[in-house]
Amino acid sequence: MIKGNTAQQNAARARAKAAASRTTTAKARQRGRPRKAPAPLPPAEPMPPVQPQAVGFPILIPEQLRTCLMAKDDVEAVVRKVLKEVNDEYETKNGRRKVFLAEAMERLSVKSRSTMWHWHEKGYLIQEHDENGHVFYYDFKIRRAERGEHPEGEDKGGQADEN
């Protein structure tokens, strides 16, 4: 047991500490940047009254009605199909239909992609590339190769017929 002045000082400190923990009048210290006050909202403007207008139901013929009721995927498929038909028709008119690598290999009875690559390197059948980097050949070049002609125009290599 502590006697005397030290005991009184310890008791006074304990009372002050207890009192300070019960009543905190000091503001909590704010950390970081001070917050900006939000901008005031503009004054409310009354909306003018809206006059309802009578709108008649549009008259739809059955074809339009069926088109309106199609699912999004069906509409996209129809649009793709029509676009492909138009594009194919345009390309066949101009003789510039694209034949992609797999179809070209099948038409020329080639089993290996490396053969197609070697033909490209030797200048026999030059590859074209679309915007995505896919390899294709023009249809007229494939037809020439099927007939046995040199697809790129000039005949390179091989023996000439002397008949």
N, C-alpha and C. Protein backbone atom coordinates (compact mmCIF):
# COMPACT_ATOMS: atom_id res chain seq x y z
N MET A 1 0.83 -1.16 0.00
CA MET A 1 0.00 0.00 0.00
C MET A 1 0.88 1.24 0.00
N ILE A 2 0.48 2.18 -0.86
CA ILE A 2 1.27 3.40 -0.98
C ILE A 2 0.62 4.44 -0.09
N LYS A 3 1.45 5.11 0.70
CA LYS A 3 0.93 6.11 1.62
C LYS A 3 1.44 7.48 1.23
N GLY A 4 0.69 8.45 1.62
CA GLY A 4 1.18 9.81 1.51
C GLY A 4 0.84 10.48 0.19
N ASN A 5 1.75 11.37 -0.16
CA ASN A 5 1.57 12.24 -1.31
C ASN A 5 1.46 11.45 -2.61
N THR A 6 2.19 10.40 -2.81
CA THR A 6 2.17 9.62 -4.04
C THR A 6 0.81 8.99 -4.25
N ALA A 7 0.18 8.50 -3.19
CA ALA A 7 -1.13 7.90 -3.30
C ALA A 7 -2.16 8.93 -3.73
N GLN A 8 -2.07 10.13 -3.20
CA GLN A 8 -3.01 11.17 -3.57
C GLN A 8 -2.83 11.58 -5.04
N GLN A 9 -1.61 11.66 -5.47
CA GLN A 9 -1.36 12.03 -6.87
C GLN A 9 -1.89 10.95 -7.83
N ASN A 10 -1.67 9.70 -7.49
CA ASN A 10 -2.16 8.61 -8.33
C ASN A 10 -3.68 8.63 -8.39
N ALA A 11 -4.34 8.89 -7.30
CA ALA A 11 -5.81 8.92 -7.26
C ALA A 11 -6.32 10.09 -8.10
N ALA A 12 -5.63 11.24 -8.00
CA ALA A 12 -6.06 12.41 -8.77
C ALA A 12 -5.90 12.16 -10.28
N ARG A 13 -4.80 11.52 -10.63
CA ARG A 13 -4.59 11.20 -12.05
C ARG A 13 -5.67 10.24 -12.55
N ALA A 14 -6.03 9.25 -11.77
CA ALA A 14 -7.04 8.28 -12.17
C ALA A 14 -8.39 8.97 -12.34
N ARG A 15 -8.75 9.88 -11.42
CA ARG A 15 -10.02 10.61 -11.53
C ARG A 15 -10.04 11.48 -12.80
N ALA A 16 -8.93 12.14 -13.09
CA ALA A 16 -8.86 13.01 -14.28
C ALA A 16 -8.96 12.19 -15.55
N LYS A 17 -8.31 11.06 -15.52
CA LYS A 17 -8.35 10.20 -16.69
C LYS A 17 -9.77 9.67 -16.93
N ALA A 18 -10.46 9.27 -15.88
CA ALA A 18 -11.82 8.76 -15.98
C ALA A 18 -12.76 9.86 -16.46
N ALA A 19 -12.58 11.06 -15.97
CA ALA A 19 -13.43 12.17 -16.36
C ALA A 19 -13.19 12.53 -17.84
N ALA A 20 -11.95 12.48 -18.24
CA ALA A 20 -11.63 12.82 -19.63
C ALA A 20 -12.21 11.79 -20.59
N SER A 21 -12.25 10.54 -20.18
CA SER A 21 -12.77 9.52 -21.08
C SER A 21 -14.29 9.60 -21.18
N ARG A 22 -14.97 10.12 -20.17
CA ARG A 22 -16.42 10.24 -20.21
C ARG A 22 -16.88 11.42 -21.05
N THR A 23 -16.24 12.51 -20.94
CA THR A 23 -16.67 13.71 -21.66
C THR A 23 -15.55 14.16 -22.58
N THR A 24 -15.79 14.00 -23.85
CA THR A 24 -14.80 14.49 -24.80
C THR A 24 -15.43 15.66 -25.53
N THR A 25 -14.93 16.80 -25.27
CA THR A 25 -15.45 17.99 -25.93
C THR A 25 -14.59 18.40 -27.11
N ALA A 26 -13.43 17.80 -27.23
CA ALA A 26 -12.53 18.15 -28.33
C ALA A 26 -13.02 17.47 -29.62
N LYS A 27 -12.90 18.19 -30.75
CA LYS A 27 -13.28 17.63 -32.05
C LYS A 27 -12.27 16.58 -32.47
N ALA A 28 -12.75 15.58 -33.17
CA ALA A 28 -11.83 14.58 -33.71
C ALA A 28 -11.04 15.26 -34.83
N ARG A 29 -9.79 14.96 -34.88
CA ARG A 29 -8.94 15.58 -35.88
C ARG A 29 -9.24 14.98 -37.25
N GLN A 30 -9.47 15.85 -38.26
CA GLN A 30 -9.77 15.39 -39.61
C GLN A 30 -8.48 15.13 -40.35
N ARG A 31 -8.45 14.00 -41.06
CA ARG A 31 -7.26 13.65 -41.82
C ARG A 31 -7.51 13.93 -43.30
N GLY A 32 -6.45 14.25 -44.04
CA GLY A 32 -6.56 14.46 -45.47
C GLY A 32 -7.05 15.85 -45.83
N ARG A 33 -7.46 15.98 -47.10
CA ARG A 33 -7.92 17.28 -47.58
C ARG A 33 -9.31 17.58 -47.06
N PRO A 34 -9.58 18.85 -46.82
CA PRO A 34 -10.94 19.18 -46.37
C PRO A 34 -11.94 18.95 -47.50
N ARG A 35 -13.11 18.53 -47.16
CA ARG A 35 -14.13 18.24 -48.16
C ARG A 35 -14.74 19.53 -48.69
N LYS A 36 -15.05 19.49 -49.99
CA LYS A 36 -15.71 20.63 -50.60
C LYS A 36 -17.20 20.54 -50.32
N ALA A 37 -17.80 21.70 -50.17
CA ALA A 37 -19.24 21.72 -49.97
C ALA A 37 -19.90 21.43 -51.31
N PRO A 38 -20.93 20.59 -51.34
CA PRO A 38 -21.59 20.28 -52.61
C PRO A 38 -22.23 21.52 -53.21
N ALA A 39 -22.22 21.58 -54.54
CA ALA A 39 -22.82 22.73 -55.22
C ALA A 39 -24.32 22.71 -55.00
N PRO A 40 -24.91 23.87 -54.82
CA PRO A 40 -26.36 23.90 -54.60
C PRO A 40 -27.10 23.53 -55.89
N LEU A 41 -28.23 22.89 -55.73
CA LEU A 41 -29.05 22.49 -56.87
C LEU A 41 -29.75 23.72 -57.46
N PRO A 42 -29.97 23.72 -58.77
CA PRO A 42 -30.68 24.86 -59.36
C PRO A 42 -32.13 24.85 -58.89
N PRO A 43 -32.73 26.01 -58.92
CA PRO A 43 -34.13 26.06 -58.45
C PRO A 43 -35.03 25.23 -59.37
N ALA A 44 -36.02 24.65 -58.78
CA ALA A 44 -36.93 23.77 -59.53
C ALA A 44 -37.82 24.61 -60.43
N GLU A 45 -37.93 24.18 -61.71
CA GLU A 45 -38.81 24.86 -62.64
C GLU A 45 -40.02 23.98 -62.86
N PRO A 46 -41.18 24.53 -62.75
CA PRO A 46 -42.37 23.69 -62.95
C PRO A 46 -42.45 23.27 -64.42
N MET A 47 -42.83 22.02 -64.63
CA MET A 47 -42.97 21.51 -65.99
C MET A 47 -44.30 21.96 -66.56
N PRO A 48 -44.28 22.32 -67.85
CA PRO A 48 -45.56 22.71 -68.45
C PRO A 48 -46.46 21.48 -68.57
N PRO A 49 -47.74 21.68 -68.47
CA PRO A 49 -48.64 20.53 -68.57
C PRO A 49 -48.58 19.94 -69.98
N VAL A 50 -48.59 18.64 -70.04
CA VAL A 50 -48.51 17.93 -71.31
C VAL A 50 -49.91 17.60 -71.77
N GLN A 51 -50.18 17.98 -73.02
CA GLN A 51 -51.50 17.70 -73.58
C GLN A 51 -51.45 16.32 -74.23
N PRO A 52 -52.21 15.37 -73.76
CA PRO A 52 -52.20 14.04 -74.38
C PRO A 52 -52.77 14.12 -75.80
N GLN A 53 -52.06 13.47 -76.72
CA GLN A 53 -52.53 13.45 -78.10
C GLN A 53 -52.96 12.04 -78.45
N ALA A 54 -54.02 11.96 -79.14
CA ALA A 54 -54.54 10.66 -79.54
C ALA A 54 -53.68 10.11 -80.69
N VAL A 55 -53.11 8.94 -80.47
CA VAL A 55 -52.29 8.30 -81.50
C VAL A 55 -52.98 7.02 -81.90
N GLY A 56 -53.26 6.89 -83.17
CA GLY A 56 -53.94 5.70 -83.65
C GLY A 56 -52.98 4.53 -83.74
N PHE A 57 -53.49 3.34 -83.68
CA PHE A 57 -52.67 2.15 -83.81
C PHE A 57 -52.24 2.01 -85.26
N PRO A 58 -50.94 1.83 -85.50
CA PRO A 58 -50.51 1.73 -86.90
C PRO A 58 -51.05 0.47 -87.55
N ILE A 59 -51.42 0.61 -88.79
CA ILE A 59 -51.95 -0.53 -89.53
C ILE A 59 -50.76 -1.28 -90.13
N LEU A 60 -50.65 -2.55 -89.78
CA LEU A 60 -49.54 -3.37 -90.26
C LEU A 60 -50.08 -4.49 -91.12
N ILE A 61 -49.44 -4.70 -92.24
CA ILE A 61 -49.80 -5.85 -93.05
C ILE A 61 -49.12 -7.07 -92.45
N PRO A 62 -49.57 -8.27 -92.72
CA PRO A 62 -49.03 -9.47 -92.05
C PRO A 62 -47.52 -9.61 -92.19
N GLU A 63 -46.95 -9.25 -93.35
CA GLU A 63 -45.50 -9.38 -93.53
C GLU A 63 -44.75 -8.47 -92.56
N GLN A 64 -45.23 -7.23 -92.40
CA GLN A 64 -44.59 -6.30 -91.46
C GLN A 64 -44.75 -6.80 -90.03
N LEU A 65 -45.91 -7.32 -89.73
CA LEU A 65 -46.16 -7.81 -88.38
C LEU A 65 -45.24 -8.97 -88.05
N ARG A 66 -45.04 -9.90 -89.00
CA ARG A 66 -44.16 -11.03 -88.76
C ARG A 66 -42.72 -10.54 -88.57
N THR A 67 -42.32 -9.53 -89.34
CA THR A 67 -40.97 -8.97 -89.21
C THR A 67 -40.79 -8.32 -87.84
N CYS A 68 -41.83 -7.65 -87.36
CA CYS A 68 -41.74 -7.00 -86.06
C CYS A 68 -41.64 -8.00 -84.92
N LEU A 69 -42.18 -9.18 -85.10
CA LEU A 69 -42.21 -10.16 -84.03
C LEU A 69 -41.03 -11.12 -84.06
N MET A 70 -40.08 -10.92 -84.99
CA MET A 70 -38.93 -11.82 -85.06
C MET A 70 -37.94 -11.52 -83.94
N ALA A 71 -37.25 -12.55 -83.50
CA ALA A 71 -36.22 -12.38 -82.48
C ALA A 71 -35.01 -11.70 -83.09
N LYS A 72 -34.21 -11.08 -82.24
CA LYS A 72 -33.04 -10.34 -82.70
C LYS A 72 -32.07 -11.25 -83.46
N ASP A 73 -31.85 -12.46 -82.95
CA ASP A 73 -30.93 -13.40 -83.62
C ASP A 73 -31.44 -13.77 -85.01
N ASP A 74 -32.77 -13.95 -85.14
CA ASP A 74 -33.33 -14.29 -86.43
C ASP A 74 -33.14 -13.15 -87.43
N VAL A 75 -33.36 -11.93 -86.96
CA VAL A 75 -33.20 -10.77 -87.84
C VAL A 75 -31.74 -10.66 -88.30
N GLU A 76 -30.80 -10.84 -87.35
CA GLU A 76 -29.38 -10.76 -87.71
C GLU A 76 -29.01 -11.86 -88.71
N ALA A 77 -29.55 -13.07 -88.52
CA ALA A 77 -29.26 -14.16 -89.45
C ALA A 77 -29.78 -13.85 -90.84
N VAL A 78 -30.97 -13.28 -90.93
CA VAL A 78 -31.55 -12.93 -92.22
C VAL A 78 -30.71 -11.85 -92.89
N VAL A 79 -30.30 -10.85 -92.12
CA VAL A 79 -29.48 -9.77 -92.68
C VAL A 79 -28.16 -10.31 -93.18
N ARG A 80 -27.51 -11.19 -92.39
CA ARG A 80 -26.25 -11.80 -92.83
C ARG A 80 -26.43 -12.59 -94.12
N LYS A 81 -27.52 -13.36 -94.20
CA LYS A 81 -27.78 -14.18 -95.38
C LYS A 81 -27.96 -13.30 -96.62
N VAL A 82 -28.75 -12.25 -96.49
CA VAL A 82 -29.00 -11.36 -97.63
C VAL A 82 -27.71 -10.66 -98.03
N LEU A 83 -26.94 -10.21 -97.04
CA LEU A 83 -25.68 -9.54 -97.33
C LEU A 83 -24.71 -10.48 -98.04
N LYS A 84 -24.66 -11.73 -97.60
CA LYS A 84 -23.78 -12.70 -98.24
C LYS A 84 -24.21 -12.96 -99.68
N GLU A 85 -25.53 -13.07 -99.91
CA GLU A 85 -26.02 -13.28 -101.27
C GLU A 85 -25.66 -12.12 -102.18
N VAL A 86 -25.85 -10.91 -101.69
CA VAL A 86 -25.52 -9.72 -102.50
C VAL A 86 -24.03 -9.67 -102.76
N ASN A 87 -23.23 -9.94 -101.74
CA ASN A 87 -21.77 -9.91 -101.89
C ASN A 87 -21.30 -10.99 -102.86
N ASP A 88 -21.85 -12.19 -102.74
CA ASP A 88 -21.47 -13.28 -103.66
C ASP A 88 -21.85 -12.94 -105.10
N GLU A 89 -23.04 -12.36 -105.28
CA GLU A 89 -23.48 -11.98 -106.62
C GLU A 89 -22.54 -10.93 -107.21
N TYR A 90 -22.16 -9.97 -106.41
CA TYR A 90 -21.24 -8.93 -106.88
C TYR A 90 -19.88 -9.53 -107.25
N GLU A 91 -19.39 -10.43 -106.40
CA GLU A 91 -18.07 -11.02 -106.65
C GLU A 91 -18.09 -11.94 -107.87
N THR A 92 -19.19 -12.66 -108.09
CA THR A 92 -19.25 -13.53 -109.27
C THR A 92 -19.37 -12.70 -110.54
N LYS A 93 -20.04 -11.56 -110.46
CA LYS A 93 -20.09 -10.68 -111.63
C LYS A 93 -18.69 -10.21 -111.99
N ASN A 94 -17.92 -9.88 -111.00
CA ASN A 94 -16.57 -9.38 -111.23
C ASN A 94 -15.53 -10.48 -111.26
N GLY A 95 -15.92 -11.74 -111.01
CA GLY A 95 -14.98 -12.85 -111.02
C GLY A 95 -13.97 -12.77 -109.89
N ARG A 96 -14.33 -12.13 -108.80
CA ARG A 96 -13.38 -11.93 -107.70
C ARG A 96 -13.86 -12.60 -106.42
N ARG A 97 -14.57 -13.72 -106.54
CA ARG A 97 -15.04 -14.41 -105.33
C ARG A 97 -13.84 -14.96 -104.57
N LYS A 98 -13.87 -14.80 -103.26
CA LYS A 98 -12.76 -15.28 -102.43
C LYS A 98 -12.96 -16.75 -102.09
N VAL A 99 -11.92 -17.54 -102.29
CA VAL A 99 -11.94 -18.95 -101.91
C VAL A 99 -10.92 -19.09 -100.79
N PHE A 100 -11.39 -19.45 -99.61
CA PHE A 100 -10.49 -19.55 -98.48
C PHE A 100 -9.68 -20.84 -98.55
N LEU A 101 -8.65 -20.91 -97.75
CA LEU A 101 -7.62 -21.94 -97.84
C LEU A 101 -8.19 -23.36 -97.84
N ALA A 102 -9.10 -23.65 -96.92
CA ALA A 102 -9.64 -25.02 -96.81
C ALA A 102 -10.36 -25.43 -98.09
N GLU A 103 -11.18 -24.51 -98.64
CA GLU A 103 -11.92 -24.83 -99.86
C GLU A 103 -10.96 -24.96 -101.05
N ALA A 104 -9.94 -24.12 -101.11
CA ALA A 104 -8.96 -24.19 -102.21
C ALA A 104 -8.21 -25.52 -102.15
N MET A 105 -7.82 -25.95 -100.95
CA MET A 105 -7.12 -27.23 -100.80
C MET A 105 -8.01 -28.38 -101.26
N GLU A 106 -9.28 -28.31 -100.93
CA GLU A 106 -10.22 -29.36 -101.30
C GLU A 106 -10.40 -29.40 -102.82
N ARG A 107 -10.58 -28.22 -103.44
CA ARG A 107 -10.79 -28.17 -104.89
C ARG A 107 -9.56 -28.61 -105.68
N LEU A 108 -8.36 -28.33 -105.13
CA LEU A 108 -7.12 -28.69 -105.83
C LEU A 108 -6.58 -30.06 -105.39
N SER A 109 -7.31 -30.75 -104.53
CA SER A 109 -6.92 -32.07 -104.01
C SER A 109 -5.54 -32.02 -103.35
N VAL A 110 -5.34 -31.00 -102.52
CA VAL A 110 -4.10 -30.84 -101.77
C VAL A 110 -4.39 -31.23 -100.34
N LYS A 111 -3.51 -32.04 -99.74
CA LYS A 111 -3.77 -32.52 -98.39
C LYS A 111 -3.01 -31.75 -97.32
N SER A 112 -2.02 -30.94 -97.72
CA SER A 112 -1.18 -30.28 -96.73
C SER A 112 -1.15 -28.77 -96.99
N ARG A 113 -1.24 -28.02 -95.89
CA ARG A 113 -1.12 -26.56 -96.01
C ARG A 113 0.27 -26.16 -96.47
N SER A 114 1.25 -27.00 -96.17
CA SER A 114 2.62 -26.64 -96.56
C SER A 114 2.77 -26.65 -98.08
N THR A 115 2.00 -27.49 -98.77
CA THR A 115 2.03 -27.49 -100.23
C THR A 115 1.55 -26.14 -100.76
N MET A 116 0.47 -25.65 -100.17
CA MET A 116 -0.07 -24.34 -100.59
C MET A 116 0.96 -23.25 -100.31
N TRP A 117 1.65 -23.36 -99.18
CA TRP A 117 2.68 -22.38 -98.84
C TRP A 117 3.83 -22.43 -99.85
N HIS A 118 4.27 -23.64 -100.23
CA HIS A 118 5.35 -23.79 -101.20
C HIS A 118 4.94 -23.24 -102.57
N TRP A 119 3.69 -23.47 -102.96
CA TRP A 119 3.21 -22.90 -104.22
C TRP A 119 3.27 -21.38 -104.19
N HIS A 120 2.96 -20.82 -103.02
CA HIS A 120 3.04 -19.36 -102.87
C HIS A 120 4.49 -18.88 -103.00
N GLU A 121 5.40 -19.59 -102.33
CA GLU A 121 6.81 -19.20 -102.36
C GLU A 121 7.40 -19.31 -103.76
N LYS A 122 6.97 -20.31 -104.52
CA LYS A 122 7.50 -20.51 -105.87
C LYS A 122 6.79 -19.64 -106.91
N GLY A 123 5.72 -18.96 -106.48
CA GLY A 123 5.01 -18.09 -107.41
C GLY A 123 3.97 -18.80 -108.24
N TYR A 124 3.65 -20.04 -107.89
CA TYR A 124 2.67 -20.80 -108.68
C TYR A 124 1.24 -20.34 -108.36
N LEU A 125 0.91 -20.19 -107.08
CA LEU A 125 -0.42 -19.76 -106.66
C LEU A 125 -0.24 -18.80 -105.47
N ILE A 126 -0.32 -17.52 -105.75
CA ILE A 126 -0.03 -16.49 -104.75
C ILE A 126 -1.20 -16.35 -103.77
N GLN A 127 -0.88 -16.32 -102.48
CA GLN A 127 -1.89 -16.16 -101.44
C GLN A 127 -2.28 -14.69 -101.32
N GLU A 128 -3.51 -14.46 -100.94
CA GLU A 128 -3.99 -13.12 -100.58
C GLU A 128 -4.39 -13.20 -99.11
N HIS A 129 -4.42 -12.06 -98.46
CA HIS A 129 -4.81 -12.02 -97.04
C HIS A 129 -5.91 -10.98 -96.86
N ASP A 130 -6.93 -11.34 -96.07
CA ASP A 130 -7.98 -10.36 -95.78
C ASP A 130 -7.56 -9.50 -94.59
N GLU A 131 -8.45 -8.62 -94.15
CA GLU A 131 -8.11 -7.68 -93.08
C GLU A 131 -7.80 -8.38 -91.75
N ASN A 132 -8.25 -9.62 -91.58
CA ASN A 132 -7.97 -10.36 -90.35
C ASN A 132 -6.76 -11.28 -90.49
N GLY A 133 -6.13 -11.26 -91.65
CA GLY A 133 -4.94 -12.08 -91.86
C GLY A 133 -5.23 -13.48 -92.36
N HIS A 134 -6.48 -13.79 -92.69
CA HIS A 134 -6.82 -15.12 -93.20
C HIS A 134 -6.38 -15.24 -94.65
N VAL A 135 -5.91 -16.43 -95.01
CA VAL A 135 -5.42 -16.68 -96.36
C VAL A 135 -6.60 -17.03 -97.27
N PHE A 136 -6.63 -16.43 -98.46
CA PHE A 136 -7.63 -16.79 -99.46
C PHE A 136 -7.00 -16.66 -100.84
N TYR A 137 -7.71 -17.20 -101.82
CA TYR A 137 -7.30 -17.12 -103.22
C TYR A 137 -8.52 -16.67 -104.00
N TYR A 138 -8.30 -16.01 -105.10
CA TYR A 138 -9.43 -15.62 -105.94
C TYR A 138 -9.90 -16.82 -106.75
N ASP A 139 -11.20 -16.87 -106.98
CA ASP A 139 -11.82 -18.02 -107.64
C ASP A 139 -11.27 -18.24 -109.04
N PHE A 140 -11.03 -17.17 -109.79
CA PHE A 140 -10.54 -17.36 -111.16
C PHE A 140 -9.16 -17.99 -111.17
N LYS A 141 -8.34 -17.74 -110.15
CA LYS A 141 -7.01 -18.37 -110.07
C LYS A 141 -7.15 -19.86 -109.75
N ILE A 142 -8.09 -20.21 -108.89
CA ILE A 142 -8.32 -21.62 -108.55
C ILE A 142 -8.81 -22.36 -109.79
N ARG A 143 -9.71 -21.73 -110.57
CA ARG A 143 -10.20 -22.37 -111.79
C ARG A 143 -9.07 -22.61 -112.78
N ARG A 144 -8.17 -21.62 -112.90
CA ARG A 144 -7.01 -21.81 -113.78
C ARG A 144 -6.14 -22.97 -113.31
N ALA A 145 -5.91 -23.06 -112.00
CA ALA A 145 -5.09 -24.15 -111.45
C ALA A 145 -5.78 -25.49 -111.67
N GLU A 146 -7.11 -25.53 -111.57
CA GLU A 146 -7.84 -26.77 -111.81
C GLU A 146 -7.70 -27.22 -113.26
N ARG A 147 -7.63 -26.26 -114.18
CA ARG A 147 -7.45 -26.60 -115.60
C ARG A 147 -6.01 -26.96 -115.93
N GLY A 148 -5.09 -26.72 -114.99
CA GLY A 148 -3.69 -27.05 -115.20
C GLY A 148 -2.88 -25.89 -115.74
N GLU A 149 -3.50 -24.72 -115.86
CA GLU A 149 -2.78 -23.54 -116.31
C GLU A 149 -2.04 -22.93 -115.13
N HIS A 150 -1.10 -22.05 -115.45
CA HIS A 150 -0.41 -21.35 -114.37
C HIS A 150 -1.32 -20.23 -113.88
N PRO A 151 -1.77 -20.27 -112.61
CA PRO A 151 -2.76 -19.30 -112.13
C PRO A 151 -2.29 -17.85 -112.17
N GLU A 152 -0.99 -17.65 -112.09
CA GLU A 152 -0.50 -16.28 -112.03
C GLU A 152 -0.21 -15.70 -113.41
N GLY A 153 -0.58 -16.41 -114.47
CA GLY A 153 -0.46 -15.82 -115.80
C GLY A 153 0.64 -16.44 -116.63
N GLU A 154 1.90 -16.32 -116.22
CA GLU A 154 2.99 -16.85 -117.04
C GLU A 154 3.27 -18.29 -116.64
N ASP A 155 3.65 -19.09 -117.60
CA ASP A 155 3.91 -20.51 -117.36
C ASP A 155 5.37 -20.67 -116.98
N LYS A 156 5.61 -21.14 -115.77
CA LYS A 156 6.99 -21.31 -115.29
C LYS A 156 7.32 -22.79 -115.20
N GLY A 157 8.50 -23.15 -115.63
CA GLY A 157 8.98 -24.52 -115.42
C GLY A 157 8.26 -25.53 -116.30
N GLY A 158 8.64 -26.79 -116.14
CA GLY A 158 8.03 -27.86 -116.91
C GLY A 158 8.56 -27.93 -118.33
N GLN A 159 8.22 -28.99 -119.03
CA GLN A 159 8.67 -29.16 -120.41
C GLN A 159 7.64 -28.60 -121.37
N ALA A 160 8.11 -27.98 -122.41
CA ALA A 160 7.21 -27.42 -123.41
C ALA A 160 6.87 -28.52 -124.40
N ASP A 161 5.64 -28.52 -124.90
CA ASP A 161 5.23 -29.48 -125.93
C ASP A 161 5.83 -29.07 -127.26
N GLU A 162 6.35 -30.06 -127.97
CA GLU A 162 6.96 -29.74 -129.26
C GLU A 162 6.07 -30.17 -130.41
N ASN A 163 4.80 -30.39 -130.20
CA ASN A 163 3.89 -30.81 -131.27
C ASN A 163 3.43 -29.67 -132.10
